Each structure stands twice: as C-alpha cells, then as structure tokens.
Amino acid sequence: MASRGGCLVVISSAAEGVFAASFMQACTLVNQTFAIQLASPGGRQAEYINQDDSNRRWFNEFRSKSSSTPIGLETVDVNRYSALLIPACPGAIHDLCANADLAQIITHFIQEKKPVCAIGHGVAGLFSARKEDGKSWWLEDFCLTAPSLFEVGQLPDFAMLPVLPEDFIKDHGGKYTATEPDGIHVVIDRFLITGQNAESTVTAVQNLILMCSQKQLKNLTMNK
C-alpha cells in the first residue's frame, strides 16, 4: 500500500452540488491510503445532494472535522499532491468545466503524468485543461467515459447546461465510450481514470489507489 501522500479532491461549489453517495464512497476509500485535501472554487462549501439515511450520519460527522472545509483552487500547491480526484458532482458542469485555476492544476498533473480520476459529471472538470492556444484540449487523444446524453438528460437543468460531456469529448478529439445508463463503466488510459456515473465511483477510486501504489512501487524499484 502507498504511504500517506496527498490526494487533492476537487469539488463543485455550484448550487447543483455534489452527489453525496459518490463523495462519501470516494473519501472513505481514498482516506485509507492518502491524506485528503478538499478544494473548490473560492474555497466555498459544497452542497451534498441526494443524502439518505445511510449516509446522513457520515456527513454529520464529516462536517464536524476541519478537513471538511475546502481550500480555494487558486491556493493549491500542486507539488504537494500525488493524485487528483473529482467525484461525481452535477455542479462541475457549471463551475469547474472552464475554471482557470483548475486548468492549471490539471495541466500540471497531465504534464507530470500523476494519476487523475474523475467520475460522472465530475469529468466535466477535466474540460478546463486547454492548451496555450485556448482551444486545444490536453486530453484530446485520450479515451474517456462520462455521463451519456441519456444520463445527462435526467438532470432537472438539462436545457440550460453550458456543456454536454459526451459531446465535448467527441468534439475535442477524445475517444468516448459508455455502457447502459446507470451501469458501472470505468475507462483507464495511461494515468487517467474516468467513471461514467456515480455508480462507477467505487471501481474508479479503487483503480486510482491501485495505480498510485504501482507507481510508488515502480519508483522505489528504480531508486534502488
């Protein structure tokens, strides 16, 4: 198992929120291996949506911890973190997909080939990573998944969405794949892990942890 390096967990602070179950599952798994740091636009708190009896107690305990307060994306020191995780959050389509601070963070992870995991609507956060020309996308040659048009169509604000993940990936040179709506589907391409929807959270995060462990083991072997 990897030592407790840092994992940057980026969340949306838009009103559309973060899926509670995906966030809880992701943090519970990642916390076993990493020290977690939350970050959001402006360091604003997130709205954790679709809470139920099974996770409400967890969130009550979570909110009592100092680690539940995000730092601003503009204050992130990228060199402190060995992994990046964006859980399933519908709000990402609104406040992360074109965030300049997040763009710099993701660009660093891509250039350093550090493991990146984005899940469901959180994949939209990856869209911020444009190259110097402002048009080309850093992940244009990658294979990704994200919520299908059918799944995004279930959102109450579908008609007002600034971007549709499936269309963005295809329009910017990415290779998009998906399975049936709400089915578990995870794609791994090099250092990038994407999950189609909130249901894919556990599988995606488990692969992130495994990838980080393999990278650490490889580094230890090379340094001997």
C-alpha atoms as a PDB file:
ATOM      1  CA  MET A   1       0.000   0.000   0.000  1.00  0.00           C
ATOM      2  CA  ALA A   2       1.209   3.504  -0.811  1.00  0.00           C
ATOM      3  CA  SER A   3       2.341   5.769   2.008  1.00  0.00           C
ATOM      4  CA  ARG A   4       0.027   8.578   3.023  1.00  0.00           C
ATOM      5  CA  GLY A   5       0.839  11.018   0.284  1.00  0.00           C
ATOM      6  CA  GLY A   6      -1.616  13.740  -0.597  1.00  0.00           C
ATOM      7  CA  CYS A   7      -4.742  13.382  -2.713  1.00  0.00           C
ATOM      8  CA  LEU A   8      -6.405  16.564  -3.915  1.00  0.00           C
ATOM      9  CA  VAL A   9     -10.184  16.127  -4.032  1.00  0.00           C
ATOM     10  CA  VAL A  10     -11.757  18.840  -6.189  1.00  0.00           C
ATOM     11  CA  ILE A  11     -15.460  19.517  -5.651  1.00  0.00           C
ATOM     12  CA  SER A  12     -18.004  21.867  -7.152  1.00  0.00           C
ATOM     13  CA  SER A  13     -19.480  24.669  -5.092  1.00  0.00           C
ATOM     14  CA  ALA A  14     -22.277  25.363  -7.590  1.00  0.00           C
ATOM     15  CA  ALA A  15     -25.877  25.074  -6.443  1.00  0.00           C
ATOM     16  CA  GLU A  16     -26.276  21.836  -8.422  1.00  0.00           C
ATOM     17  CA  GLY A  17     -23.948  20.248  -5.900  1.00  0.00           C
ATOM     18  CA  VAL A  18     -22.012  17.038  -5.329  1.00  0.00           C
ATOM     19  CA  PHE A  19     -23.616  13.603  -5.214  1.00  0.00           C
ATOM     20  CA  ALA A  20     -23.462  12.638  -1.533  1.00  0.00           C
ATOM     21  CA  ALA A  21     -23.045   8.891  -2.053  1.00  0.00           C
ATOM     22  CA  SER A  22     -20.227   9.281  -4.582  1.00  0.00           C
ATOM     23  CA  PHE A  23     -18.374  11.735  -2.350  1.00  0.00           C
ATOM     24  CA  MET A  24     -18.738   9.541   0.737  1.00  0.00           C
ATOM     25  CA  GLN A  25     -17.582   6.403  -1.080  1.00  0.00           C
ATOM     26  CA  ALA A  26     -14.647   8.194  -2.678  1.00  0.00           C
ATOM     27  CA  CYS A  27     -13.421   9.822   0.530  1.00  0.00           C
ATOM     28  CA  THR A  28     -13.841   6.665   2.596  1.00  0.00           C
ATOM     29  CA  LEU A  29     -11.712   4.668   0.153  1.00  0.00           C
ATOM     30  CA  VAL A  30      -9.073   7.325  -0.528  1.00  0.00           C
ATOM     31  CA  ASN A  31      -8.655   8.165   3.158  1.00  0.00           C
ATOM     32  CA  GLN A  32      -7.325   4.648   3.764  1.00  0.00           C
ATOM     33  CA  THR A  33      -4.258   5.474   1.657  1.00  0.00           C
ATOM     34  CA  PHE A  34      -3.965   9.241   1.342  1.00  0.00           C
ATOM     35  CA  ALA A  35      -4.176  12.412   3.339  1.00  0.00           C
ATOM     36  CA  ILE A  36      -7.124  14.202   1.712  1.00  0.00           C
ATOM     37  CA  GLN A  37      -7.334  17.889   0.881  1.00  0.00           C
ATOM     38  CA  LEU A  38     -10.598  19.307  -0.428  1.00  0.00           C
ATOM     39  CA  ALA A  39     -10.533  22.206  -2.876  1.00  0.00           C
ATOM     40  CA  SER A  40     -13.292  24.164  -4.571  1.00  0.00           C
ATOM     41  CA  PRO A  41     -13.706  27.442  -6.471  1.00  0.00           C
ATOM     42  CA  GLY A  42     -13.025  30.208  -3.955  1.00  0.00           C
ATOM     43  CA  GLY A  43     -12.874  27.657  -1.130  1.00  0.00           C
ATOM     44  CA  ARG A  44     -16.665  27.677  -0.924  1.00  0.00           C
ATOM     45  CA  GLN A  45     -18.539  24.815   0.717  1.00  0.00           C
ATOM     46  CA  ALA A  46     -20.319  22.259  -1.437  1.00  0.00           C
ATOM     47  CA  GLU A  47     -23.957  21.264  -1.424  1.00  0.00           C
ATOM     48  CA  TYR A  48     -24.058  17.483  -0.918  1.00  0.00           C
ATOM     49  CA  ILE A  49     -27.206  16.352  -2.682  1.00  0.00           C
ATOM     50  CA  ASN A  50     -29.327  13.181  -2.535  1.00  0.00           C
ATOM     51  CA  GLN A  51     -28.390  12.380   1.046  1.00  0.00           C
ATOM     52  CA  ASP A  52     -30.266   9.496   2.624  1.00  0.00           C
ATOM     53  CA  ASP A  53     -30.461   7.753   5.979  1.00  0.00           C
ATOM     54  CA  SER A  54     -27.466   5.566   5.143  1.00  0.00           C
ATOM     55  CA  ASN A  55     -25.052   8.486   4.705  1.00  0.00           C
ATOM     56  CA  ARG A  56     -26.579  11.359   6.694  1.00  0.00           C
ATOM     57  CA  ARG A  57     -24.763  10.345   9.892  1.00  0.00           C
ATOM     58  CA  TRP A  58     -21.467  10.137   7.976  1.00  0.00           C
ATOM     59  CA  PHE A  59     -21.953  13.689   6.690  1.00  0.00           C
ATOM     60  CA  ASN A  60     -22.823  14.981  10.151  1.00  0.00           C
ATOM     61  CA  GLU A  61     -19.518  13.589  11.442  1.00  0.00           C
ATOM     62  CA  PHE A  62     -17.641  14.753   8.365  1.00  0.00           C
ATOM     63  CA  ARG A  63     -18.811  18.355   8.710  1.00  0.00           C
ATOM     64  CA  SER A  64     -17.516  18.485  12.285  1.00  0.00           C
ATOM     65  CA  LYS A  65     -13.934  17.964  11.058  1.00  0.00           C
ATOM     66  CA  SER A  66     -11.663  20.795   9.966  1.00  0.00           C
ATOM     67  CA  SER A  67     -10.745  18.780   6.875  1.00  0.00           C
ATOM     68  CA  SER A  68     -14.305  19.257   5.578  1.00  0.00           C
ATOM     69  CA  THR A  69     -13.572  22.909   4.747  1.00  0.00           C
ATOM     70  CA  PRO A  70     -12.198  23.248   1.199  1.00  0.00           C
ATOM     71  CA  ILE A  71      -9.295  25.481   0.250  1.00  0.00           C
ATOM     72  CA  GLY A  72      -9.583  27.684  -2.821  1.00  0.00           C
ATOM     73  CA  LEU A  73      -8.391  26.213  -6.100  1.00  0.00           C
ATOM     74  CA  GLU A  74      -6.239  29.327  -6.551  1.00  0.00           C
ATOM     75  CA  THR A  75      -4.242  28.449  -3.387  1.00  0.00           C
ATOM     76  CA  VAL A  76      -3.431  24.823  -4.274  1.00  0.00           C
ATOM     77  CA  ASP A  77       0.265  23.869  -4.260  1.00  0.00           C
ATOM     78  CA  VAL A  78       0.199  21.116  -6.889  1.00  0.00           C
ATOM     79  CA  ASN A  79       3.565  19.716  -5.826  1.00  0.00           C
ATOM     80  CA  ARG A  80       2.070  18.521  -2.529  1.00  0.00           C
ATOM     81  CA  TYR A  81      -0.247  16.002  -4.158  1.00  0.00           C
ATOM     82  CA  SER A  82       0.398  12.707  -5.897  1.00  0.00           C
ATOM     83  CA  ALA A  83      -3.197  12.112  -7.049  1.00  0.00           C
ATOM     84  CA  LEU A  84      -6.214  14.149  -8.164  1.00  0.00           C
ATOM     85  CA  LEU A  85      -9.818  13.082  -7.691  1.00  0.00           C
ATOM     86  CA  ILE A  86     -13.039  14.734  -8.865  1.00  0.00           C
ATOM     87  CA  PRO A  87     -16.104  12.836  -7.559  1.00  0.00           C
ATOM     88  CA  ALA A  88     -19.498  12.798  -9.245  1.00  0.00           C
ATOM     89  CA  CYS A  89     -20.864  16.329  -8.985  1.00  0.00           C
ATOM     90  CA  PRO A  90     -23.508  17.814 -11.303  1.00  0.00           C
ATOM     91  CA  GLY A  91     -22.249  21.256 -10.315  1.00  0.00           C
ATOM     92  CA  ALA A  92     -18.953  20.597 -12.133  1.00  0.00           C
ATOM     93  CA  ILE A  93     -20.675  21.261 -15.459  1.00  0.00           C
ATOM     94  CA  HIS A  94     -21.359  24.798 -14.194  1.00  0.00           C
ATOM     95  CA  ASP A  95     -18.312  25.918 -12.216  1.00  0.00           C
ATOM     96  CA  LEU A  96     -15.416  23.557 -12.970  1.00  0.00           C
ATOM     97  CA  CYS A  97     -15.531  22.950 -16.723  1.00  0.00           C
ATOM     98  CA  ALA A  98     -13.950  26.335 -17.556  1.00  0.00           C
ATOM     99  CA  ASN A  99     -12.222  27.190 -14.257  1.00  0.00           C
ATOM    100  CA  ALA A 100      -8.798  28.708 -14.934  1.00  0.00           C
ATOM    101  CA  ASP A 101      -7.309  27.668 -11.578  1.00  0.00           C
ATOM    102  CA  LEU A 102      -8.413  24.070 -12.065  1.00  0.00           C
ATOM    103  CA  ALA A 103      -6.974  24.190 -15.588  1.00  0.00           C
ATOM    104  CA  GLN A 104      -3.518  24.933 -14.178  1.00  0.00           C
ATOM    105  CA  ILE A 105      -3.831  22.126 -11.633  1.00  0.00           C
ATOM    106  CA  ILE A 106      -4.916  19.532 -14.189  1.00  0.00           C
ATOM    107  CA  THR A 107      -2.264  20.660 -16.660  1.00  0.00           C
ATOM    108  CA  HIS A 108       0.402  20.035 -14.009  1.00  0.00           C
ATOM    109  CA  PHE A 109      -0.942  16.525 -13.327  1.00  0.00           C
ATOM    110  CA  ILE A 110      -1.041  15.743 -17.042  1.00  0.00           C
ATOM    111  CA  GLN A 111       2.476  17.002 -17.697  1.00  0.00           C
ATOM    112  CA  GLU A 112       3.840  15.116 -14.672  1.00  0.00           C
ATOM    113  CA  LYS A 113       1.723  12.051 -15.527  1.00  0.00           C
ATOM    114  CA  LYS A 114       0.332  11.893 -11.996  1.00  0.00           C
ATOM    115  CA  PRO A 115      -2.803   9.741 -11.546  1.00  0.00           C
ATOM    116  CA  VAL A 116      -6.071  11.581 -12.176  1.00  0.00           C
ATOM    117  CA  CYS A 117      -9.551  10.187 -11.504  1.00  0.00           C
ATOM    118  CA  ALA A 118     -12.800  11.905 -12.474  1.00  0.00           C
ATOM    119  CA  ILE A 119     -16.251  10.414 -12.009  1.00  0.00           C
ATOM    120  CA  GLY A 120     -19.637  11.098 -13.566  1.00  0.00           C
ATOM    121  CA  HIS A 121     -20.401  14.770 -14.079  1.00  0.00           C
ATOM    122  CA  GLY A 122     -17.076  15.476 -12.361  1.00  0.00           C
ATOM    123  CA  VAL A 123     -15.410  14.543 -15.666  1.00  0.00           C
ATOM    124  CA  ALA A 124     -16.514  17.997 -16.849  1.00  0.00           C
ATOM    125  CA  GLY A 125     -13.795  19.425 -14.601  1.00  0.00           C
ATOM    126  CA  LEU A 126     -11.233  17.948 -16.988  1.00  0.00           C
ATOM    127  CA  PHE A 127     -12.597  20.119 -19.796  1.00  0.00           C
ATOM    128  CA  SER A 128     -10.892  23.174 -18.271  1.00  0.00           C
ATOM    129  CA  ALA A 129      -7.450  21.874 -19.287  1.00  0.00           C
ATOM    130  CA  ARG A 130      -6.915  23.804 -22.524  1.00  0.00           C
ATOM    131  CA  LYS A 131      -3.512  24.275 -24.095  1.00  0.00           C
ATOM    132  CA  GLU A 132      -1.818  27.623 -24.611  1.00  0.00           C
ATOM    133  CA  ASP A 133      -3.899  28.409 -27.696  1.00  0.00           C
ATOM    134  CA  GLY A 134      -7.035  28.312 -25.548  1.00  0.00           C
ATOM    135  CA  LYS A 135      -8.747  25.870 -27.891  1.00  0.00           C
ATOM    136  CA  SER A 136      -6.833  22.575 -27.946  1.00  0.00           C
ATOM    137  CA  TRP A 137      -7.577  20.160 -25.121  1.00  0.00           C
ATOM    138  CA  TRP A 138      -4.787  18.428 -23.226  1.00  0.00           C
ATOM    139  CA  LEU A 139      -6.716  15.143 -23.257  1.00  0.00           C
ATOM    140  CA  GLU A 140      -7.654  15.170 -26.932  1.00  0.00           C
ATOM    141  CA  ASP A 141      -6.003  11.795 -27.637  1.00  0.00           C
ATOM    142  CA  PHE A 142      -7.337  10.036 -24.553  1.00  0.00           C
ATOM    143  CA  CYS A 143     -10.142   7.512 -24.196  1.00  0.00           C
ATOM    144  CA  LEU A 144     -12.683   8.647 -21.598  1.00  0.00           C
ATOM    145  CA  THR A 145     -16.136   7.994 -20.313  1.00  0.00           C
ATOM    146  CA  ALA A 146     -18.633  10.418 -18.782  1.00  0.00           C
ATOM    147  CA  PRO A 147     -22.401  10.510 -18.338  1.00  0.00           C
ATOM    148  CA  SER A 148     -24.146   9.680 -21.605  1.00  0.00           C
ATOM    149  CA  LEU A 149     -26.552  12.111 -23.222  1.00  0.00           C
ATOM    150  CA  PHE A 150     -29.382   9.989 -21.835  1.00  0.00           C
ATOM    151  CA  GLU A 151     -28.000  10.209 -18.278  1.00  0.00           C
ATOM    152  CA  VAL A 152     -27.348  13.946 -18.502  1.00  0.00           C
ATOM    153  CA  GLY A 153     -30.875  14.335 -19.835  1.00  0.00           C
ATOM    154  CA  GLN A 154     -32.178  13.262 -16.426  1.00  0.00           C
ATOM    155  CA  LEU A 155     -30.822  16.435 -14.798  1.00  0.00           C
ATOM    156  CA  PRO A 156     -33.530  18.996 -13.998  1.00  0.00           C
ATOM    157  CA  ASP A 157     -31.492  21.797 -15.607  1.00  0.00           C
ATOM    158  CA  PHE A 158     -30.602  19.832 -18.748  1.00  0.00           C
ATOM    159  CA  ALA A 159     -31.866  22.546 -21.114  1.00  0.00           C
ATOM    160  CA  MET A 160     -29.567  25.134 -19.527  1.00  0.00           C
ATOM    161  CA  LEU A 161     -26.336  23.129 -19.323  1.00  0.00           C
ATOM    162  CA  PRO A 162     -23.323  25.025 -20.703  1.00  0.00           C
ATOM    163  CA  VAL A 163     -21.695  21.808 -21.919  1.00  0.00           C
ATOM    164  CA  LEU A 164     -22.679  18.181 -22.574  1.00  0.00           C
ATOM    165  CA  PRO A 165     -19.826  15.872 -21.510  1.00  0.00           C
ATOM    166  CA  GLU A 166     -20.305  13.257 -24.244  1.00  0.00           C
ATOM    167  CA  ASP A 167     -20.397  15.917 -26.964  1.00  0.00           C
ATOM    168  CA  PHE A 168     -17.422  17.843 -25.562  1.00  0.00           C
ATOM    169  CA  ILE A 169     -15.189  14.766 -25.510  1.00  0.00           C
ATOM    170  CA  LYS A 170     -16.097  13.831 -29.091  1.00  0.00           C
ATOM    171  CA  ASP A 171     -15.842  17.413 -30.372  1.00  0.00           C
ATOM    172  CA  HIS A 172     -12.378  17.940 -28.850  1.00  0.00           C
ATOM    173  CA  GLY A 173     -10.664  14.815 -30.146  1.00  0.00           C
ATOM    174  CA  GLY A 174     -11.262  12.442 -27.249  1.00  0.00           C
ATOM    175  CA  LYS A 175     -12.495   8.872 -27.651  1.00  0.00           C
ATOM    176  CA  TYR A 176     -15.785   8.470 -25.789  1.00  0.00           C
ATOM    177  CA  THR A 177     -17.204   5.166 -24.564  1.00  0.00           C
ATOM    178  CA  ALA A 178     -20.193   4.318 -22.390  1.00  0.00           C
ATOM    179  CA  THR A 179     -22.349   1.435 -21.266  1.00  0.00           C
ATOM    180  CA  GLU A 180     -26.057   1.375 -20.447  1.00  0.00           C
ATOM    181  CA  PRO A 181     -27.470   4.201 -18.285  1.00  0.00           C
ATOM    182  CA  ASP A 182     -26.534   3.819 -14.588  1.00  0.00           C
ATOM    183  CA  GLY A 183     -24.291   0.859 -15.446  1.00  0.00           C
ATOM    184  CA  ILE A 184     -20.804   0.595 -13.965  1.00  0.00           C
ATOM    185  CA  HIS A 185     -18.233   1.640 -16.562  1.00  0.00           C
ATOM    186  CA  VAL A 186     -14.647   2.736 -15.905  1.00  0.00           C
ATOM    187  CA  VAL A 187     -12.020   3.630 -18.508  1.00  0.00           C
ATOM    188  CA  ILE A 188      -8.274   3.676 -17.815  1.00  0.00           C
ATOM    189  CA  ASP A 189      -5.980   5.368 -20.312  1.00  0.00           C
ATOM    190  CA  ARG A 190      -2.420   5.887 -19.166  1.00  0.00           C
ATOM    191  CA  PHE A 191      -2.603   7.913 -15.915  1.00  0.00           C
ATOM    192  CA  LEU A 192      -6.249   8.912 -16.404  1.00  0.00           C
ATOM    193  CA  ILE A 193      -9.208   7.070 -14.861  1.00  0.00           C
ATOM    194  CA  THR A 194     -12.784   8.098 -15.658  1.00  0.00           C
ATOM    195  CA  GLY A 195     -16.070   6.671 -14.397  1.00  0.00           C
ATOM    196  CA  GLN A 196     -19.295   7.059 -16.362  1.00  0.00           C
ATOM    197  CA  ASN A 197     -21.564   7.873 -13.417  1.00  0.00           C
ATOM    198  CA  ALA A 198     -21.902   7.890  -9.649  1.00  0.00           C
ATOM    199  CA  GLU A 199     -22.484   4.127  -9.711  1.00  0.00           C
ATOM    200  CA  SER A 200     -18.913   3.741 -11.022  1.00  0.00           C
ATOM    201  CA  THR A 201     -17.344   5.545  -8.043  1.00  0.00           C
ATOM    202  CA  VAL A 202     -16.027   2.582  -6.059  1.00  0.00           C
ATOM    203  CA  THR A 203     -14.490   0.833  -9.065  1.00  0.00           C
ATOM    204  CA  ALA A 204     -12.883   4.052 -10.327  1.00  0.00           C
ATOM    205  CA  VAL A 205     -11.387   5.020  -6.952  1.00  0.00           C
ATOM    206  CA  GLN A 206     -10.105   1.501  -6.320  1.00  0.00           C
ATOM    207  CA  ASN A 207      -8.235   1.753  -9.612  1.00  0.00           C
ATOM    208  CA  LEU A 208      -6.833   5.150  -8.609  1.00  0.00           C
ATOM    209  CA  ILE A 209      -5.447   3.691  -5.387  1.00  0.00           C
ATOM    210  CA  LEU A 210      -4.002   0.711  -7.248  1.00  0.00           C
ATOM    211  CA  MET A 211      -2.402   2.963  -9.867  1.00  0.00           C
ATOM    212  CA  CYS A 212      -0.765   5.112  -7.186  1.00  0.00           C
ATOM    213  CA  SER A 213       0.531   2.033  -5.382  1.00  0.00           C
ATOM    214  CA  GLN A 214       2.006   0.654  -8.613  1.00  0.00           C
ATOM    215  CA  LYS A 215       3.650   3.990  -9.389  1.00  0.00           C
ATOM    216  CA  GLN A 216       5.174   4.194  -5.933  1.00  0.00           C
ATOM    217  CA  LEU A 217       6.472   0.633  -6.181  1.00  0.00           C
ATOM    218  CA  LYS A 218       7.991   1.392  -9.582  1.00  0.00           C
ATOM    219  CA  ASN A 219       9.720   4.482  -8.202  1.00  0.00           C
ATOM    220  CA  LEU A 220      11.121   2.513  -5.255  1.00  0.00           C
ATOM    221  CA  THR A 221      12.457  -0.154  -7.617  1.00  0.00           C
ATOM    222  CA  MET A 222      14.091   2.422  -9.891  1.00  0.00           C
ATOM    223  CA  ASN A 223      15.748   4.183  -6.954  1.00  0.00           C
ATOM    224  CA  LYS A 224      17.362   1.062  -5.564  1.00  0.00           C
END
